[in-house]
């Protein structure tokens, strides 16, 4: 029986089952023959509070440090700019951050805006959580810890990859070990209420197909944009188990599309790009190995000399993209396409096909 990580209810259902998967943060040395450990990877949705969440987790260490993509740094700058214009990020105000274990921080940008980082557990006028909360197994306790850091009148800023975007885009491979929760706006509001917080303003971004930044305060009232966003998500069915279970129906179609194209390209040079967590899930579920994809390039030095979890595919430096020019690039994170194209203009033109994983 599954117990909700937020409200403690047991009424719910599995909405996505990806079978046995290796931890996405396990990158063995390339010479390690395996086999790699695997655990079930399933998403369950609570019928009471509508939080979509991870069922099992192996509790492994975090992945080798990656290089933060330009898409993410650009979005952070955009978000902080909006917070400055909204008067939330302001000179003299204090800030604390609950960061993601994958790296990346808004603190340098907020310091540039004149804010002062608090020391230790000192309360702050602004508490930032950028993709951090989803890494917490006990969601209710984690939200309470963030609320406890707020100074009187303070704001918690919670950024998350929208479950509505995941469902609408069929992004089933967003599910991974170590990511314990996937939030719709209604579910995030319900979770915040357990710590005495209410929604105020919200901002949306194109990152990952749809990312939300939600303002939470003890005395807030939702503005028109937040009310409309929550209503639109409810109308789209993102709080309904049968609708979210549509992710499971997208799995086979997504895998078949990629595998079919790789088979059609047999004998031609194909390189993957982006040794990301979503690549691990896709590779294993679609049974893609070195016979279909000989290598995956990645900008992170920490991942080179290793292989993708659950496969024999090595992670190689990015010069593999141009020496020689491949016939096709399989891009596992579509958000990276603009920056990869800009970094490797040699790949532009009809001579190189882009396949989105």
Protein backbone atom coordinates (compact mmCIF):
# COMPACT_ATOMS: atom_id res chain seq x y z
CA UNK A 1 0.00 0.00 0.00
CA UNK A 2 1.32 3.43 -0.97
CA UNK A 3 1.04 6.35 1.44
CA UNK A 4 0.99 9.88 0.04
CA UNK A 5 4.22 11.78 0.68
CA UNK A 6 2.21 14.98 1.25
CA UNK A 7 -1.12 14.27 2.94
CA UNK A 8 -0.72 10.69 4.20
CA UNK A 9 -3.70 9.33 2.30
CA UNK A 10 -3.62 5.81 0.85
CA UNK A 11 -6.35 6.28 -1.78
CA UNK A 12 -4.75 6.61 -5.20
CA UNK A 13 -3.45 4.69 -8.19
CA UNK A 14 -0.36 3.98 -10.25
CA UNK A 15 -0.45 6.31 -13.27
CA UNK A 16 2.89 5.36 -14.87
CA UNK A 17 4.95 2.17 -14.61
CA UNK A 18 8.35 2.13 -16.38
CA UNK A 19 9.39 -1.26 -15.08
CA UNK A 20 12.84 -2.00 -13.68
CA UNK A 21 15.22 0.92 -14.19
CA UNK A 22 18.78 1.69 -13.06
CA UNK A 23 19.28 4.80 -10.93
CA UNK A 24 19.71 7.76 -13.26
CA UNK A 25 22.57 9.04 -11.10
CA UNK A 26 24.66 5.87 -11.51
CA UNK A 27 27.22 6.34 -14.31
CA UNK A 28 29.58 3.32 -14.11
CA UNK A 29 33.07 3.44 -15.62
CA UNK A 30 32.90 2.61 -19.31
CA UNK A 31 34.90 -0.58 -18.74
CA UNK A 32 32.51 -1.85 -16.05
CA UNK A 33 30.61 -4.73 -17.72
CA UNK A 34 27.66 -4.60 -15.31
CA UNK A 35 25.00 -5.69 -14.80
CA UNK A 36 23.79 -2.51 -13.14
CA UNK A 37 21.33 -2.62 -10.24
CA UNK A 38 17.72 -1.87 -11.11
CA UNK A 39 14.62 -0.92 -9.13
CA UNK A 40 10.96 -0.39 -10.04
CA UNK A 41 10.20 3.08 -11.38
CA UNK A 42 6.55 3.98 -10.88
CA UNK A 43 4.48 7.14 -10.45
CA UNK A 44 1.50 7.07 -8.10
CA UNK A 45 -1.13 9.79 -7.83
CA UNK A 46 -2.96 10.63 -4.62
CA UNK A 47 -6.73 10.76 -5.00
CA UNK A 48 -7.02 13.19 -2.06
CA UNK A 49 -4.43 15.92 -2.76
CA UNK A 50 -3.60 15.12 -6.43
CA UNK A 51 0.15 14.98 -5.88
CA UNK A 52 1.88 12.75 -8.45
CA UNK A 53 4.82 11.06 -6.78
CA UNK A 54 7.52 8.43 -6.93
CA UNK A 55 6.66 5.10 -5.31
CA UNK A 56 10.05 3.38 -4.80
CA UNK A 57 13.55 4.87 -4.63
CA UNK A 58 16.92 3.13 -4.23
CA UNK A 59 18.45 6.03 -2.31
CA UNK A 60 21.64 6.18 -4.35
CA UNK A 61 24.09 9.08 -4.45
CA UNK A 62 23.52 12.02 -6.77
CA UNK A 63 24.79 11.91 -10.34
CA UNK A 64 28.22 13.22 -11.35
CA UNK A 65 28.14 16.98 -11.48
CA UNK A 66 26.87 18.34 -14.76
CA UNK A 67 27.32 21.68 -16.47
CA UNK A 68 24.25 23.86 -16.12
CA UNK A 69 22.60 24.29 -19.54
CA UNK A 70 22.27 27.77 -21.00
CA UNK A 71 18.50 27.24 -21.20
CA UNK A 72 18.42 26.95 -17.42
CA UNK A 73 20.69 29.93 -16.73
CA UNK A 74 18.68 32.07 -19.17
CA UNK A 75 15.45 31.11 -17.43
CA UNK A 76 16.94 31.93 -14.02
CA UNK A 77 17.93 35.39 -15.24
CA UNK A 78 14.45 35.89 -16.69
CA UNK A 79 12.83 34.80 -13.42
CA UNK A 80 14.97 37.07 -11.24
CA UNK A 81 14.26 39.96 -13.60
CA UNK A 82 10.54 39.40 -13.12
CA UNK A 83 10.99 39.23 -9.35
CA UNK A 84 12.84 42.55 -9.40
CA UNK A 85 10.05 44.17 -11.39
CA UNK A 86 7.49 42.68 -8.97
CA UNK A 87 9.35 44.21 -6.00
CA UNK A 88 10.06 40.82 -4.43
CA UNK A 89 13.80 40.84 -5.15
CA UNK A 90 14.87 44.23 -3.80
CA UNK A 91 17.93 45.90 -2.29
CA UNK A 92 18.39 45.26 1.42
CA UNK A 93 16.00 42.30 1.61
CA UNK A 94 17.29 38.95 2.84
CA UNK A 95 17.23 35.69 0.90
CA UNK A 96 17.73 31.98 1.60
CA UNK A 97 17.83 29.20 -0.97
CA UNK A 98 16.85 25.53 -0.93
CA UNK A 99 18.74 24.42 -4.02
CA UNK A 100 18.61 21.41 -6.28
CA UNK A 101 21.28 18.72 -5.75
CA UNK A 102 21.94 18.95 -9.49
CA UNK A 103 23.50 22.38 -9.00
CA UNK A 104 22.59 25.83 -10.21
CA UNK A 105 21.75 28.74 -7.91
CA UNK A 106 19.86 32.01 -8.12
CA UNK A 107 21.88 33.55 -5.28
CA UNK A 108 24.47 35.31 -7.48
CA UNK A 109 21.67 36.96 -9.46
CA UNK A 110 19.79 37.91 -6.31
CA UNK A 111 22.93 39.36 -4.73
CA UNK A 112 23.40 41.44 -7.87
CA UNK A 113 19.85 42.71 -7.26
CA UNK A 114 21.00 43.98 -3.83
CA UNK A 115 19.73 41.15 -1.66
CA UNK A 116 21.66 39.73 1.28
CA UNK A 117 21.98 35.99 1.89
CA UNK A 118 21.06 34.89 5.41
CA UNK A 119 23.38 32.87 7.60
CA UNK A 120 22.51 29.44 9.02
CA UNK A 121 18.80 29.07 9.75
CA UNK A 122 18.18 32.82 10.01
CA UNK A 123 14.72 33.78 8.70
CA UNK A 124 14.64 35.44 5.29
CA UNK A 125 12.34 37.85 3.49
CA UNK A 126 12.54 35.62 0.42
CA UNK A 127 13.08 31.85 0.37
CA UNK A 128 13.86 30.40 -3.06
CA UNK A 129 13.28 26.79 -4.01
CA UNK A 130 14.30 26.09 -7.61
CA UNK A 131 13.59 22.41 -8.36
CA UNK A 132 14.72 21.52 -4.84
CA UNK A 133 11.49 20.41 -3.17
CA UNK A 134 10.91 17.52 -5.59
CA UNK A 135 14.05 15.82 -4.21
CA UNK A 136 12.53 15.49 -0.71
CA UNK A 137 11.00 12.10 0.23
CA UNK A 138 8.76 13.60 2.94
CA UNK A 139 6.97 16.35 1.06
CA UNK A 140 4.90 17.68 3.96
CA UNK A 141 7.91 18.00 6.27
CA UNK A 142 10.01 19.57 3.53
CA UNK A 143 7.39 22.24 2.85
CA UNK A 144 7.18 22.94 6.59
CA UNK A 145 10.96 23.46 6.76
CA UNK A 146 10.79 26.01 3.99
CA UNK A 147 7.88 27.84 5.58
CA UNK A 148 9.78 27.94 8.87
CA UNK A 149 12.57 29.95 7.22
CA UNK A 150 10.23 32.80 6.29
CA UNK A 151 10.53 36.10 8.11
CA UNK A 152 7.22 37.84 8.95
CA UNK A 153 5.63 38.87 5.66
CA UNK A 154 8.13 36.79 3.72
CA UNK A 155 7.60 34.91 0.45
CA UNK A 156 8.52 31.37 -0.57
CA UNK A 157 9.19 31.15 -4.30
CA UNK A 158 8.67 27.60 -5.54
CA UNK A 159 9.72 26.70 -9.06
CA UNK A 160 8.70 23.37 -10.59
CA UNK A 161 8.33 21.53 -13.88
CA UNK A 162 4.58 21.56 -14.33
CA UNK A 163 2.78 18.23 -14.26
CA UNK A 164 0.33 19.80 -16.70
CA UNK A 165 3.19 20.26 -19.19
CA UNK A 166 4.45 16.72 -18.55
CA UNK A 167 1.02 15.27 -19.28
CA UNK A 168 0.24 17.52 -22.26
CA UNK A 169 3.62 16.78 -23.85
CA UNK A 170 3.65 13.08 -23.06
CA UNK A 171 6.92 13.60 -21.16
CA UNK A 172 6.84 10.19 -19.48
CA UNK A 173 10.63 10.04 -19.23
CA UNK A 174 10.60 12.97 -16.81
CA UNK A 175 9.99 10.29 -14.15
CA UNK A 176 13.21 9.24 -12.43
CA UNK A 177 14.52 7.86 -9.17
CA UNK A 178 15.34 10.68 -6.76
CA UNK A 179 12.51 12.93 -7.98
CA UNK A 180 9.84 12.27 -5.39
CA UNK A 181 7.07 14.65 -6.51
CA UNK A 182 5.60 16.14 -9.68
CA UNK A 183 3.39 19.17 -9.09
CA UNK A 184 0.36 20.66 -10.70
CA UNK A 185 -0.52 24.14 -9.46
CA UNK A 186 -3.54 22.79 -7.50
CA UNK A 187 -1.37 20.11 -5.85
CA UNK A 188 1.36 22.64 -5.01
CA UNK A 189 -1.24 24.96 -3.45
CA UNK A 190 -2.65 22.10 -1.35
CA UNK A 191 0.83 21.12 -0.18
CA UNK A 192 1.66 24.73 0.71
CA UNK A 193 -1.55 24.99 2.73
CA UNK A 194 -0.30 22.19 5.00
CA UNK A 195 2.42 24.62 6.13
CA UNK A 196 0.09 27.59 6.44
CA UNK A 197 1.01 29.18 3.12
CA UNK A 198 -1.28 30.58 0.44
CA UNK A 199 -0.61 31.35 -3.24
CA UNK A 200 -0.13 34.87 -4.54
CA UNK A 201 1.38 35.65 -7.92
CA UNK A 202 2.76 33.16 -10.44
CA UNK A 203 4.93 33.24 -13.53
CA UNK A 204 5.25 30.67 -16.31
CA UNK A 205 8.23 29.83 -18.53
CA UNK A 206 8.80 27.68 -21.60
CA UNK A 207 11.60 25.71 -19.91
CA UNK A 208 11.02 21.92 -20.11
CA UNK A 209 7.81 22.53 -22.01
CA UNK A 210 6.26 24.39 -19.07
CA UNK A 211 7.73 25.57 -15.78
CA UNK A 212 5.91 27.48 -13.03
CA UNK A 213 7.24 29.88 -10.40
CA UNK A 214 4.71 30.23 -7.59
CA UNK A 215 4.71 32.86 -4.83
CA UNK A 216 3.57 31.52 -1.45
CA UNK A 217 2.95 33.62 1.69
CA UNK A 218 1.08 33.29 4.94
CA UNK A 219 -1.25 36.15 4.04
CA UNK A 220 -1.38 35.99 0.24
CA UNK A 221 -4.35 35.95 -2.09
CA UNK A 222 -4.05 34.46 -5.59
CA UNK A 223 -3.96 37.03 -8.38
CA UNK A 224 -5.88 36.64 -11.63
CA UNK A 225 -3.01 34.87 -13.39
CA UNK A 226 -2.64 32.26 -10.65
CA UNK A 227 -6.38 31.68 -10.41
CA UNK A 228 -6.60 31.26 -14.18
CA UNK A 229 -3.58 28.94 -14.29
CA UNK A 230 -5.00 26.66 -11.59
CA UNK A 231 -8.40 26.64 -13.30
CA UNK A 232 -6.87 25.79 -16.67
CA UNK A 233 -4.92 22.88 -15.18
CA UNK A 234 -8.02 21.53 -13.48
CA UNK A 235 -9.96 21.82 -16.73
CA UNK A 236 -7.19 19.91 -18.51
CA UNK A 237 -7.68 17.08 -16.01
CA UNK A 238 -4.28 17.24 -14.34
CA UNK A 239 -5.86 16.48 -10.94
CA UNK A 240 -7.67 13.42 -12.32
CA UNK A 241 -6.03 10.00 -12.14
CA UNK A 242 -7.38 8.70 -15.50
CA UNK A 243 -6.02 11.76 -17.33
CA UNK A 244 -2.55 11.61 -15.78
CA UNK A 245 -2.50 7.86 -16.50
CA UNK A 246 -2.37 8.86 -20.16
CA UNK A 247 1.39 9.16 -19.63
CA UNK A 248 1.53 5.38 -19.65
CA UNK A 249 -0.10 5.27 -23.07
CA UNK A 250 2.56 7.63 -24.45
CA UNK A 251 5.47 5.34 -23.54
CA UNK A 252 5.29 2.82 -26.38
CA UNK A 253 4.67 5.47 -29.02
CA UNK A 254 7.66 7.52 -27.86
CA UNK A 255 9.98 4.52 -27.75
CA UNK A 256 8.81 3.15 -31.10
CA UNK A 257 9.36 6.50 -32.82
CA UNK A 258 13.00 6.75 -31.69
CA UNK A 259 13.88 3.09 -32.23
CA UNK A 260 12.32 3.00 -35.68
CA UNK A 261 14.34 5.99 -36.82
CA UNK A 262 17.59 4.62 -35.38
CA UNK A 263 17.02 1.34 -37.20
CA UNK A 264 16.37 3.20 -40.45
CA UNK A 265 19.74 4.94 -39.95
CA UNK A 266 21.65 1.70 -39.42
CA UNK A 267 25.09 1.92 -41.03
CA UNK A 268 25.20 5.71 -40.79
CA UNK A 269 26.89 7.70 -38.04
CA UNK A 270 24.47 8.70 -35.26
CA UNK A 271 25.57 10.44 -32.04
CA UNK A 272 23.45 11.08 -28.98
CA UNK A 273 23.69 14.35 -27.07
CA UNK A 274 22.96 14.93 -23.39
CA UNK A 275 23.67 12.20 -20.80
CA UNK A 276 20.61 13.32 -18.86
CA UNK A 277 18.35 11.40 -16.53
CA UNK A 278 15.55 11.26 -19.09
CA UNK A 279 17.98 9.64 -21.54
CA UNK A 280 18.59 6.76 -19.11
CA UNK A 281 14.89 5.95 -18.86
CA UNK A 282 14.31 6.15 -22.61
CA UNK A 283 17.33 4.00 -23.48
CA UNK A 284 16.36 1.16 -21.17
CA UNK A 285 12.65 1.22 -21.90
CA UNK A 286 13.27 1.29 -25.67
CA UNK A 287 16.10 -1.29 -25.40
CA UNK A 288 18.59 1.00 -27.15
CA UNK A 289 22.26 0.04 -26.79
CA UNK A 290 25.54 0.48 -28.66
CA UNK A 291 24.27 -1.41 -31.71
CA UNK A 292 21.81 1.43 -32.40
CA UNK A 293 23.57 4.35 -30.66
CA UNK A 294 27.37 3.95 -30.35
CA UNK A 295 28.03 7.01 -28.16
CA UNK A 296 26.48 9.95 -26.34
CA UNK A 297 28.28 13.28 -26.17
CA UNK A 298 28.01 15.42 -23.06
CA UNK A 299 29.58 18.68 -21.94
CA UNK A 300 30.16 17.47 -18.37
CA UNK A 301 33.77 16.35 -17.74
CA UNK A 302 32.56 14.28 -14.75
CA UNK A 303 30.56 11.94 -17.00
CA UNK A 304 33.25 11.26 -19.57
CA UNK A 305 34.95 7.89 -19.38
CA UNK A 306 31.70 6.50 -18.02
CA UNK A 307 28.75 4.82 -19.67
CA UNK A 308 25.02 5.32 -19.56
CA UNK A 309 23.35 3.37 -16.74
CA UNK A 310 21.86 0.08 -17.89
CA UNK A 311 23.62 0.15 -21.27
CA UNK A 312 27.09 -0.18 -22.82
CA UNK A 313 26.84 3.26 -24.47
CA UNK A 314 29.87 5.38 -23.54
CA UNK A 315 29.70 9.07 -22.65
CA UNK A 316 32.20 10.98 -24.79
CA UNK A 317 33.43 14.59 -25.20
CA UNK A 318 31.45 16.94 -27.39
CA UNK A 319 34.02 16.90 -30.19
CA UNK A 320 32.33 13.63 -31.19
CA UNK A 321 29.65 15.88 -32.72
CA UNK A 322 32.03 17.24 -35.33
CA UNK A 323 34.83 14.68 -35.85
CA UNK A 324 33.44 13.54 -38.20
CA UNK A 325 30.07 15.22 -38.76
CA UNK A 326 27.33 12.68 -37.93
CA UNK A 327 24.43 11.91 -40.20
CA UNK A 328 22.06 12.45 -37.24
CA UNK A 329 22.06 13.70 -33.64
CA UNK A 330 19.66 12.18 -31.13
CA UNK A 331 18.96 15.01 -28.66
CA UNK A 332 17.61 13.79 -25.34
CA UNK A 333 16.71 17.23 -23.90
CA UNK A 334 14.86 19.29 -26.54
CA UNK A 335 15.43 22.54 -24.57
CA UNK A 336 19.12 22.25 -25.42
CA UNK A 337 18.64 22.38 -29.19
CA UNK A 338 19.21 26.16 -29.62
CA UNK A 339 22.42 26.20 -27.59
CA UNK A 340 23.79 23.01 -29.16
CA UNK A 341 23.10 24.35 -32.65
CA UNK A 342 24.78 27.64 -31.73
CA UNK A 343 27.81 25.84 -30.31
CA UNK A 344 28.14 23.52 -33.31
CA UNK A 345 27.12 25.41 -36.46
CA UNK A 346 28.77 22.65 -38.49
CA UNK A 347 25.66 20.56 -37.77
CA UNK A 348 23.28 22.98 -39.46
CA UNK A 349 21.95 22.12 -42.88
CA UNK A 350 20.37 19.14 -44.58
CA UNK A 351 23.46 16.97 -44.03
CA UNK A 352 22.64 16.46 -40.31
CA UNK A 353 19.27 15.31 -39.01
CA UNK A 354 18.05 16.19 -35.51
CA UNK A 355 16.03 13.54 -33.70
CA UNK A 356 14.30 14.64 -30.49
CA UNK A 357 14.25 11.95 -27.81
